[in-house]
PDB file of N, CA and C in Angstrom:
ATOM      1  N   UNK A   1      44.546  43.564  20.329  1.00  0.00           N
ATOM      2  CA  UNK A   1      42.814  44.119  20.577  1.00  0.00           C
ATOM      3  C   UNK A   1      42.730  43.845  22.158  1.00  0.00           C
ATOM      4  N   UNK A   2      41.903  44.818  22.665  1.00  0.00           N
ATOM      5  CA  UNK A   2      42.008  44.450  24.133  1.00  0.00           C
ATOM      6  C   UNK A   2      40.597  43.258  24.255  1.00  0.00           C
ATOM      7  N   UNK A   3      40.693  42.670  25.603  1.00  0.00           N
ATOM      8  CA  UNK A   3      39.818  41.541  25.930  1.00  0.00           C
ATOM      9  C   UNK A   3      38.392  42.441  25.804  1.00  0.00           C
ATOM     10  N   UNK A   4      38.284  43.332  26.383  1.00  0.00           N
ATOM     11  CA  UNK A   4      36.594  43.817  25.985  1.00  0.00           C
ATOM     12  C   UNK A   4      36.307  43.962  24.862  1.00  0.00           C
ATOM     13  N   UNK A   5      37.156  44.747  23.857  1.00  0.00           N
ATOM     14  CA  UNK A   5      36.860  44.591  22.448  1.00  0.00           C
ATOM     15  C   UNK A   5      36.714  43.011  21.916  1.00  0.00           C
ATOM     16  N   UNK A   6      37.673  42.354  22.332  1.00  0.00           N
ATOM     17  CA  UNK A   6      37.238  40.962  21.766  1.00  0.00           C
ATOM     18  C   UNK A   6      36.055  40.300  22.377  1.00  0.00           C
ATOM     19  N   UNK A   7      35.364  40.944  23.470  1.00  0.00           N
ATOM     20  CA  UNK A   7      33.985  40.287  23.639  1.00  0.00           C
ATOM     21  C   UNK A   7      32.491  41.291  22.934  1.00  0.00           C
ATOM     22  N   UNK A   8      33.096  42.452  22.387  1.00  0.00           N
ATOM     23  CA  UNK A   8      32.264  43.222  22.118  1.00  0.00           C
ATOM     24  C   UNK A   8      31.954  42.507  20.673  1.00  0.00           C
ATOM     25  N   UNK A   9      33.148  41.866  19.883  1.00  0.00           N
ATOM     26  CA  UNK A   9      33.410  41.474  18.120  1.00  0.00           C
ATOM     27  C   UNK A   9      32.463  40.013  18.580  1.00  0.00           C
ATOM     28  N   UNK A  10      32.746  39.435  19.474  1.00  0.00           N
ATOM     29  CA  UNK A  10      32.420  38.073  19.750  1.00  0.00           C
ATOM     30  C   UNK A  10      30.524  38.103  19.803  1.00  0.00           C
ATOM     31  N   UNK A  11      30.124  39.235  20.503  1.00  0.00           N
ATOM     32  CA  UNK A  11      28.838  39.263  20.397  1.00  0.00           C
ATOM     33  C   UNK A  11      28.482  39.722  19.357  1.00  0.00           C
ATOM     34  N   UNK A  12      29.006  40.449  18.446  1.00  0.00           N
ATOM     35  CA  UNK A  12      28.604  40.690  16.889  1.00  0.00           C
ATOM     36  C   UNK A  12      28.954  39.909  15.959  1.00  0.00           C
ATOM     37  N   UNK A  13      29.648  38.966  16.581  1.00  0.00           N
ATOM     38  CA  UNK A  13      29.265  37.573  15.578  1.00  0.00           C
ATOM     39  C   UNK A  13      28.568  36.613  15.904  1.00  0.00           C
ATOM     40  N   UNK A  14      28.008  36.429  17.489  1.00  0.00           N
ATOM     41  CA  UNK A  14      26.403  36.044  17.458  1.00  0.00           C
ATOM     42  C   UNK A  14      25.117  36.361  16.996  1.00  0.00           C
ATOM     43  N   UNK A  15      25.101  37.694  16.868  1.00  0.00           N
ATOM     44  CA  UNK A  15      24.354  38.615  16.060  1.00  0.00           C
ATOM     45  C   UNK A  15      23.993  38.145  14.648  1.00  0.00           C
ATOM     46  N   UNK A  16      25.250  38.088  14.095  1.00  0.00           N
ATOM     47  CA  UNK A  16      25.365  38.022  12.639  1.00  0.00           C
ATOM     48  C   UNK A  16      24.984  36.561  12.598  1.00  0.00           C
ATOM     49  N   UNK A  17      25.626  35.200  13.419  1.00  0.00           N
ATOM     50  CA  UNK A  17      24.876  34.378  13.402  1.00  0.00           C
ATOM     51  C   UNK A  17      23.283  33.667  13.335  1.00  0.00           C
ATOM     52  N   UNK A  18      22.712  34.611  14.219  1.00  0.00           N
ATOM     53  CA  UNK A  18      21.420  34.770  14.714  1.00  0.00           C
ATOM     54  C   UNK A  18      20.465  35.487  13.462  1.00  0.00           C
ATOM     55  N   UNK A  19      21.047  36.264  12.718  1.00  0.00           N
ATOM     56  CA  UNK A  19      20.514  36.613  11.324  1.00  0.00           C
ATOM     57  C   UNK A  19      20.266  36.343  10.286  1.00  0.00           C
ATOM     58  N   UNK A  20      21.230  35.211  10.522  1.00  0.00           N
ATOM     59  CA  UNK A  20      21.854  34.745   9.061  1.00  0.00           C
ATOM     60  C   UNK A  20      20.761  33.304   9.497  1.00  0.00           C
ATOM     61  N   UNK A  21      20.866  32.697  10.665  1.00  0.00           N
ATOM     62  CA  UNK A  21      19.817  31.661  10.959  1.00  0.00           C
ATOM     63  C   UNK A  21      18.321  31.780  10.678  1.00  0.00           C
ATOM     64  N   UNK A  22      17.895  32.810  11.019  1.00  0.00           N
ATOM     65  CA  UNK A  22      16.818  33.547  10.916  1.00  0.00           C
ATOM     66  C   UNK A  22      16.204  33.551   9.545  1.00  0.00           C
ATOM     67  N   UNK A  23      17.275  34.196   8.199  1.00  0.00           N
ATOM     68  CA  UNK A  23      16.856  34.206   7.219  1.00  0.00           C
ATOM     69  C   UNK A  23      16.714  33.315   6.585  1.00  0.00           C
ATOM     70  N   UNK A  24      17.584  32.320   6.824  1.00  0.00           N
ATOM     71  CA  UNK A  24      18.095  31.051   6.437  1.00  0.00           C
ATOM     72  C   UNK A  24      16.802  30.136   6.381  1.00  0.00           C
ATOM     73  N   UNK A  25      16.300  29.923   7.890  1.00  0.00           N
ATOM     74  CA  UNK A  25      15.399  29.044   8.141  1.00  0.00           C
ATOM     75  C   UNK A  25      14.383  29.509   8.907  1.00  0.00           C
ATOM     76  N   UNK A  26      13.209  30.249   8.334  1.00  0.00           N
ATOM     77  CA  UNK A  26      12.019  31.080   8.617  1.00  0.00           C
ATOM     78  C   UNK A  26      11.456  30.380   9.395  1.00  0.00           C
ATOM     79  N   UNK A  27      11.324  28.922   9.769  1.00  0.00           N
ATOM     80  CA  UNK A  27      10.951  28.568  10.708  1.00  0.00           C
ATOM     81  C   UNK A  27      11.132  28.711  12.013  1.00  0.00           C
ATOM     82  N   UNK A  28      12.213  28.896  12.214  1.00  0.00           N
ATOM     83  CA  UNK A  28      13.281  28.978  13.329  1.00  0.00           C
ATOM     84  C   UNK A  28      12.331  30.431  14.168  1.00  0.00           C
ATOM     85  N   UNK A  29      11.488  30.212  15.055  1.00  0.00           N
ATOM     86  CA  UNK A  29      11.260  32.010  15.830  1.00  0.00           C
ATOM     87  C   UNK A  29      12.063  32.236  16.992  1.00  0.00           C
ATOM     88  N   UNK A  30      12.764  31.407  17.426  1.00  0.00           N
ATOM     89  CA  UNK A  30      13.639  31.947  18.463  1.00  0.00           C
ATOM     90  C   UNK A  30      14.649  30.808  18.584  1.00  0.00           C
ATOM     91  N   UNK A  31      15.812  31.524  18.874  1.00  0.00           N
ATOM     92  CA  UNK A  31      17.582  31.262  18.860  1.00  0.00           C
ATOM     93  C   UNK A  31      18.001  31.162  20.104  1.00  0.00           C
ATOM     94  N   UNK A  32      18.946  30.210  20.738  1.00  0.00           N
ATOM     95  CA  UNK A  32      19.721  30.439  22.077  1.00  0.00           C
ATOM     96  C   UNK A  32      21.407  30.130  21.029  1.00  0.00           C
ATOM     97  N   UNK A  33      22.062  31.616  21.579  1.00  0.00           N
ATOM     98  CA  UNK A  33      23.685  31.049  21.075  1.00  0.00           C
ATOM     99  C   UNK A  33      24.332  31.232  21.784  1.00  0.00           C
ATOM    100  N   UNK A  34      25.139  29.987  22.110  1.00  0.00           N
ATOM    101  CA  UNK A  34      26.638  30.051  22.855  1.00  0.00           C
ATOM    102  C   UNK A  34      27.768  30.488  22.197  1.00  0.00           C
ATOM    103  N   UNK A  35      28.519  31.430  23.196  1.00  0.00           N
ATOM    104  CA  UNK A  35      29.948  31.620  22.534  1.00  0.00           C
ATOM    105  C   UNK A  35      31.367  31.697  23.472  1.00  0.00           C
ATOM    106  N   UNK A  36      32.207  31.175  23.028  1.00  0.00           N
ATOM    107  CA  UNK A  36      33.471  31.014  24.514  1.00  0.00           C
ATOM    108  C   UNK A  36      34.453  31.441  24.123  1.00  0.00           C
ATOM    109  N   UNK A  37      35.774  31.354  24.813  1.00  0.00           N
ATOM    110  CA  UNK A  37      37.106  31.424  23.858  1.00  0.00           C
ATOM    111  C   UNK A  37      37.235  29.930  23.441  1.00  0.00           C
ATOM    112  N   UNK A  38      38.440  30.078  22.614  1.00  0.00           N
ATOM    113  CA  UNK A  38      38.756  28.577  21.961  1.00  0.00           C
ATOM    114  C   UNK A  38      39.075  27.708  23.017  1.00  0.00           C
ATOM    115  N   UNK A  39      39.064  26.199  22.937  1.00  0.00           N
ATOM    116  CA  UNK A  39      40.061  25.589  23.869  1.00  0.00           C
ATOM    117  C   UNK A  39      41.312  26.032  24.348  1.00  0.00           C
ATOM    118  N   UNK A  40      41.871  25.213  25.601  1.00  0.00           N
ATOM    119  CA  UNK A  40      43.425  25.783  26.068  1.00  0.00           C
ATOM    120  C   UNK A  40      43.910  27.000  25.878  1.00  0.00           C
ATOM    121  N   UNK A  41      42.877  28.027  25.995  1.00  0.00           N
ATOM    122  CA  UNK A  41      43.099  29.238  26.549  1.00  0.00           C
ATOM    123  C   UNK A  41      42.936  29.953  27.894  1.00  0.00           C
ATOM    124  N   UNK A  42      43.596  30.998  28.118  1.00  0.00           N
ATOM    125  CA  UNK A  42      43.421  30.934  29.902  1.00  0.00           C
ATOM    126  C   UNK A  42      42.358  31.914  30.008  1.00  0.00           C
ATOM    127  N   UNK A  43      42.273  31.518  31.319  1.00  0.00           N
ATOM    128  CA  UNK A  43      40.492  32.219  31.417  1.00  0.00           C
ATOM    129  C   UNK A  43      39.208  31.773  30.632  1.00  0.00           C
ATOM    130  N   UNK A  44      38.097  32.145  30.744  1.00  0.00           N
ATOM    131  CA  UNK A  44      37.230  31.325  30.236  1.00  0.00           C
ATOM    132  C   UNK A  44      35.680  32.262  30.662  1.00  0.00           C
ATOM    133  N   UNK A  45      34.957  32.682  29.661  1.00  0.00           N
ATOM    134  CA  UNK A  45      33.901  33.745  29.834  1.00  0.00           C
ATOM    135  C   UNK A  45      32.591  32.890  28.442  1.00  0.00           C
ATOM    136  N   UNK A  46      31.666  33.400  28.956  1.00  0.00           N
ATOM    137  CA  UNK A  46      30.606  32.417  28.042  1.00  0.00           C
ATOM    138  C   UNK A  46      29.696  33.786  27.804  1.00  0.00           C
ATOM    139  N   UNK A  47      29.255  33.960  26.333  1.00  0.00           N
ATOM    140  CA  UNK A  47      27.826  35.195  25.988  1.00  0.00           C
ATOM    141  C   UNK A  47      26.966  33.728  25.580  1.00  0.00           C
ATOM    142  N   UNK A  48      25.643  34.174  25.958  1.00  0.00           N
ATOM    143  CA  UNK A  48      24.677  33.279  25.902  1.00  0.00           C
ATOM    144  C   UNK A  48      23.438  34.456  25.651  1.00  0.00           C
ATOM    145  N   UNK A  49      22.873  34.323  24.309  1.00  0.00           N
ATOM    146  CA  UNK A  49      22.101  35.511  23.690  1.00  0.00           C
ATOM    147  C   UNK A  49      20.949  34.642  23.040  1.00  0.00           C
ATOM    148  N   UNK A  50      19.474  35.370  23.755  1.00  0.00           N
ATOM    149  CA  UNK A  50      18.227  34.833  23.245  1.00  0.00           C
ATOM    150  C   UNK A  50      17.845  35.768  22.145  1.00  0.00           C
ATOM    151  N   UNK A  51      17.437  35.263  21.210  1.00  0.00           N
ATOM    152  CA  UNK A  51      16.902  36.197  19.954  1.00  0.00           C
ATOM    153  C   UNK A  51      15.586  35.617  19.857  1.00  0.00           C
ATOM    154  N   UNK A  52      14.543  36.831  19.336  1.00  0.00           N
ATOM    155  CA  UNK A  52      13.524  36.598  19.062  1.00  0.00           C
ATOM    156  C   UNK A  52      13.449  37.004  17.057  1.00  0.00           C
ATOM    157  N   UNK A  53      13.146  35.644  15.992  1.00  0.00           N
ATOM    158  CA  UNK A  53      13.077  36.066  15.048  1.00  0.00           C
ATOM    159  C   UNK A  53      11.977  37.490  14.911  1.00  0.00           C
ATOM    160  N   UNK A  54      12.254  38.126  13.552  1.00  0.00           N
ATOM    161  CA  UNK A  54      11.416  39.432  13.636  1.00  0.00           C
ATOM    162  C   UNK A  54      10.010  38.810  12.452  1.00  0.00           C
ATOM    163  N   UNK A  55       9.172  39.331  12.780  1.00  0.00           N
ATOM    164  CA  UNK A  55       7.666  39.295  11.987  1.00  0.00           C
ATOM    165  C   UNK A  55       8.228  38.891  10.745  1.00  0.00           C
ATOM    166  N   UNK A  56       8.490  40.056  10.123  1.00  0.00           N
ATOM    167  CA  UNK A  56       8.765  40.095   8.623  1.00  0.00           C
ATOM    168  C   UNK A  56      10.211  40.402   8.214  1.00  0.00           C
ATOM    169  N   UNK A  57      10.757  40.450   7.130  1.00  0.00           N
ATOM    170  CA  UNK A  57      11.927  40.422   6.645  1.00  0.00           C
ATOM    171  C   UNK A  57      12.123  41.722   5.632  1.00  0.00           C
ATOM    172  N   UNK A  58      12.800  43.119   5.826  1.00  0.00           N
ATOM    173  CA  UNK A  58      13.286  43.642   4.513  1.00  0.00           C
ATOM    174  C   UNK A  58      13.979  42.813   3.727  1.00  0.00           C
ATOM    175  N   UNK A  59      13.944  43.625   2.549  1.00  0.00           N
ATOM    176  CA  UNK A  59      14.797  43.406   1.415  1.00  0.00           C
ATOM    177  C   UNK A  59      16.011  43.656   1.902  1.00  0.00           C
ATOM    178  N   UNK A  60      16.181  45.031   2.795  1.00  0.00           N
ATOM    179  CA  UNK A  60      17.586  44.922   3.175  1.00  0.00           C
ATOM    180  C   UNK A  60      18.324  44.278   4.313  1.00  0.00           C
ATOM    181  N   UNK A  61      17.399  43.528   4.990  1.00  0.00           N
ATOM    182  CA  UNK A  61      17.737  42.489   5.572  1.00  0.00           C
ATOM    183  C   UNK A  61      17.885  40.804   5.592  1.00  0.00           C
ATOM    184  N   UNK A  62      17.161  40.886   4.033  1.00  0.00           N
ATOM    185  CA  UNK A  62      17.354  39.926   3.467  1.00  0.00           C
ATOM    186  C   UNK A  62      18.926  39.841   3.088  1.00  0.00           C
ATOM    187  N   UNK A  63      18.985  40.919   2.442  1.00  0.00           N
ATOM    188  CA  UNK A  63      20.414  40.795   2.332  1.00  0.00           C
ATOM    189  C   UNK A  63      21.260  41.075   2.650  1.00  0.00           C
ATOM    190  N   UNK A  64      21.459  41.264   3.788  1.00  0.00           N
ATOM    191  CA  UNK A  64      22.381  41.389   4.844  1.00  0.00           C
ATOM    192  C   UNK A  64      23.206  40.376   5.104  1.00  0.00           C
ATOM    193  N   UNK A  65      21.816  39.551   5.590  1.00  0.00           N
ATOM    194  CA  UNK A  65      21.779  38.129   6.061  1.00  0.00           C
ATOM    195  C   UNK A  65      22.525  37.373   4.648  1.00  0.00           C
ATOM    196  N   UNK A  66      22.127  37.289   3.744  1.00  0.00           N
ATOM    197  CA  UNK A  66      22.967  36.537   2.619  1.00  0.00           C
ATOM    198  C   UNK A  66      24.510  37.085   2.528  1.00  0.00           C
ATOM    199  N   UNK A  67      24.431  38.356   2.617  1.00  0.00           N
ATOM    200  CA  UNK A  67      26.135  38.784   2.488  1.00  0.00           C
ATOM    201  C   UNK A  67      26.840  38.056   3.854  1.00  0.00           C
ATOM    202  N   UNK A  68      26.013  37.979   4.903  1.00  0.00           N
ATOM    203  CA  UNK A  68      27.077  37.711   5.787  1.00  0.00           C
ATOM    204  C   UNK A  68      27.083  36.133   5.935  1.00  0.00           C
ATOM    205  N   UNK A  69      26.027  35.591   5.319  1.00  0.00           N
ATOM    206  CA  UNK A  69      26.485  34.152   5.026  1.00  0.00           C
ATOM    207  C   UNK A  69      27.233  33.664   4.258  1.00  0.00           C
ATOM    208  N   UNK A  70      27.867  34.805   2.798  1.00  0.00           N
ATOM    209  CA  UNK A  70      28.293  34.079   2.125  1.00  0.00           C
ATOM    210  C   UNK A  70      29.774  34.426   2.225  1.00  0.00           C
ATOM    211  N   UNK A  71      29.882  35.640   3.068  1.00  0.00           N
ATOM    212  CA  UNK A  71      31.450  36.504   3.309  1.00  0.00           C
ATOM    213  C   UNK A  71      32.036  35.632   4.510  1.00  0.00           C
ATOM    214  N   UNK A  72      31.458  35.258   4.926  1.00  0.00           N
ATOM    215  CA  UNK A  72      31.981  34.739   6.576  1.00  0.00           C
ATOM    216  C   UNK A  72      31.319  33.324   7.018  1.00  0.00           C
ATOM    217  N   UNK A  73      31.025  32.735   5.798  1.00  0.00           N
ATOM    218  CA  UNK A  73      30.991  31.219   5.880  1.00  0.00           C
ATOM    219  C   UNK A  73      29.815  30.629   7.030  1.00  0.00           C
ATOM    220  N   UNK A  74      28.947  31.793   7.460  1.00  0.00           N
ATOM    221  CA  UNK A  74      28.142  31.688   8.456  1.00  0.00           C
ATOM    222  C   UNK A  74      26.758  30.279   8.023  1.00  0.00           C
ATOM    223  N   UNK A  75      26.734  29.413   8.374  1.00  0.00           N
ATOM    224  CA  UNK A  75      25.826  28.342   8.350  1.00  0.00           C
ATOM    225  C   UNK A  75      25.881  27.761   6.864  1.00  0.00           C
ATOM    226  N   UNK A  76      26.983  27.608   6.183  1.00  0.00           N
ATOM    227  CA  UNK A  76      27.742  27.325   5.129  1.00  0.00           C
ATOM    228  C   UNK A  76      27.944  25.622   5.287  1.00  0.00           C
ATOM    229  N   UNK A  77      27.969  24.997   4.339  1.00  0.00           N
ATOM    230  CA  UNK A  77      28.479  23.519   3.936  1.00  0.00           C
ATOM    231  C   UNK A  77      29.826  23.419   4.762  1.00  0.00           C
ATOM    232  N   UNK A  78      30.271  23.233   5.858  1.00  0.00           N
ATOM    233  CA  UNK A  78      31.456  23.411   6.349  1.00  0.00           C
ATOM    234  C   UNK A  78      32.673  22.555   5.505  1.00  0.00           C
ATOM    235  N   UNK A  79      32.002  21.227   4.965  1.00  0.00           N
ATOM    236  CA  UNK A  79      33.172  20.449   4.175  1.00  0.00           C
ATOM    237  C   UNK A  79      33.817  20.999   3.180  1.00  0.00           C
ATOM    238  N   UNK A  80      32.495  21.793   2.612  1.00  0.00           N
ATOM    239  CA  UNK A  80      32.526  22.630   0.989  1.00  0.00           C
ATOM    240  C   UNK A  80      33.755  23.777   1.422  1.00  0.00           C
ATOM    241  N   UNK A  81      33.790  24.138   2.769  1.00  0.00           N
ATOM    242  CA  UNK A  81      34.473  25.408   2.672  1.00  0.00           C
ATOM    243  C   UNK A  81      36.117  24.656   3.325  1.00  0.00           C
ATOM    244  N   UNK A  82      36.106  23.749   3.747  1.00  0.00           N
ATOM    245  CA  UNK A  82      37.268  23.172   4.268  1.00  0.00           C
ATOM    246  C   UNK A  82      38.173  22.716   2.812  1.00  0.00           C
ATOM    247  N   UNK A  83      37.556  21.993   1.555  1.00  0.00           N
ATOM    248  CA  UNK A  83      37.666  21.818   0.460  1.00  0.00           C
ATOM    249  C   UNK A  83      38.422  22.899  -0.015  1.00  0.00           C
ATOM    250  N   UNK A  84      37.641  23.987   0.160  1.00  0.00           N
ATOM    251  CA  UNK A  84      38.020  25.178  -0.771  1.00  0.00           C
ATOM    252  C   UNK A  84      39.070  25.586  -0.161  1.00  0.00           C
ATOM    253  N   UNK A  85      39.731  25.372   0.810  1.00  0.00           N
ATOM    254  CA  UNK A  85      40.558  25.934   1.685  1.00  0.00           C
ATOM    255  C   UNK A  85      40.697  27.912   1.756  1.00  0.00           C
ATOM    256  N   UNK A  86      39.477  27.875   1.755  1.00  0.00           N
ATOM    257  CA  UNK A  86      39.663  29.547   2.382  1.00  0.00           C
ATOM    258  C   UNK A  86      39.772  29.584   3.524  1.00  0.00           C
ATOM    259  N   UNK A  87      40.466  30.850   3.862  1.00  0.00           N
ATOM    260  CA  UNK A  87      41.022  31.427   5.131  1.00  0.00           C
ATOM    261  C   UNK A  87      39.677  31.928   5.923  1.00  0.00           C
ATOM    262  N   UNK A  88      39.436  31.706   7.167  1.00  0.00           N
ATOM    263  CA  UNK A  88      38.827  31.877   8.216  1.00  0.00           C
ATOM    264  C   UNK A  88      38.924  33.569   8.423  1.00  0.00           C
ATOM    265  N   UNK A  89      37.841  34.083   9.200  1.00  0.00           N
ATOM    266  CA  UNK A  89      38.109  35.393   9.088  1.00  0.00           C
ATOM    267  C   UNK A  89      38.499  35.741  10.505  1.00  0.00           C
ATOM    268  N   UNK A  90      38.634  36.710  10.902  1.00  0.00           N
ATOM    269  CA  UNK A  90      38.993  37.081  12.280  1.00  0.00           C
ATOM    270  C   UNK A  90      37.568  38.110  12.617  1.00  0.00           C
ATOM    271  N   UNK A  91      37.586  37.857  14.277  1.00  0.00           N
ATOM    272  CA  UNK A  91      36.317  38.506  14.548  1.00  0.00           C
ATOM    273  C   UNK A  91      36.309  40.020  14.064  1.00  0.00           C
ATOM    274  N   UNK A  92      37.271  40.436  14.266  1.00  0.00           N
ATOM    275  CA  UNK A  92      37.641  42.223  13.767  1.00  0.00           C
ATOM    276  C   UNK A  92      37.038  42.291  12.136  1.00  0.00           C
ATOM    277  N   UNK A  93      37.282  41.478  11.754  1.00  0.00           N
ATOM    278  CA  UNK A  93      37.090  41.661  10.036  1.00  0.00           C
ATOM    279  C   UNK A  93      35.582  41.587  10.515  1.00  0.00           C
ATOM    280  N   UNK A  94      34.660  40.557  11.019  1.00  0.00           N
ATOM    281  CA  UNK A  94      32.964  40.442  10.914  1.00  0.00           C
ATOM    282  C   UNK A  94      32.518  41.816  11.495  1.00  0.00           C
ATOM    283  N   UNK A  95      33.229  42.042  12.724  1.00  0.00           N
ATOM    284  CA  UNK A  95      33.007  43.186  13.725  1.00  0.00           C
ATOM    285  C   UNK A  95      32.481  44.369  12.159  1.00  0.00           C
ATOM    286  N   UNK A  96      33.645  44.626  11.951  1.00  0.00           N
ATOM    287  CA  UNK A  96      33.520  45.783  10.811  1.00  0.00           C
ATOM    288  C   UNK A  96      32.560  46.059   9.745  1.00  0.00           C
ATOM    289  N   UNK A  97      32.357  44.543   9.167  1.00  0.00           N
ATOM    290  CA  UNK A  97      31.314  44.707   8.262  1.00  0.00           C
ATOM    291  C   UNK A  97      29.803  44.448   8.794  1.00  0.00           C
ATOM    292  N   UNK A  98      29.477  43.856  10.048  1.00  0.00           N
ATOM    293  CA  UNK A  98      28.545  43.961  10.743  1.00  0.00           C
ATOM    294  C   UNK A  98      27.897  45.126  11.708  1.00  0.00           C
ATOM    295  N   UNK A  99      28.828  46.292  11.478  1.00  0.00           N
ATOM    296  CA  UNK A  99      28.394  47.334  12.273  1.00  0.00           C
ATOM    297  C   UNK A  99      27.935  48.258  11.528  1.00  0.00           C
ATOM    298  N   UNK A 100      28.069  48.346  10.091  1.00  0.00           N
ATOM    299  CA  UNK A 100      28.145  49.099   9.038  1.00  0.00           C
ATOM    300  C   UNK A 100      26.449  49.317   8.798  1.00  0.00           C
TER     301      UNK A 100
END
């Protein structure tokens, strides 16, 4: 995967995270998300995205946010996740789901 593809996928993940956060925590109206490369990698870049919650959520938006949270463990109980030893997803897998 090229670096530019990685960056596009990373932004897709940030957007998915925002969708889930706004859906799960309806009192949140604004959100800032930050993403960067894993520690000890060569080079460094950051993505900083400011998002505003939609006024109302459609049924489709609710279903998509719940699916993203469930499938990719976004804003799920991290310790429960570790206990179950489920595999982490790649950014590419998330990107394919989010762009649908």
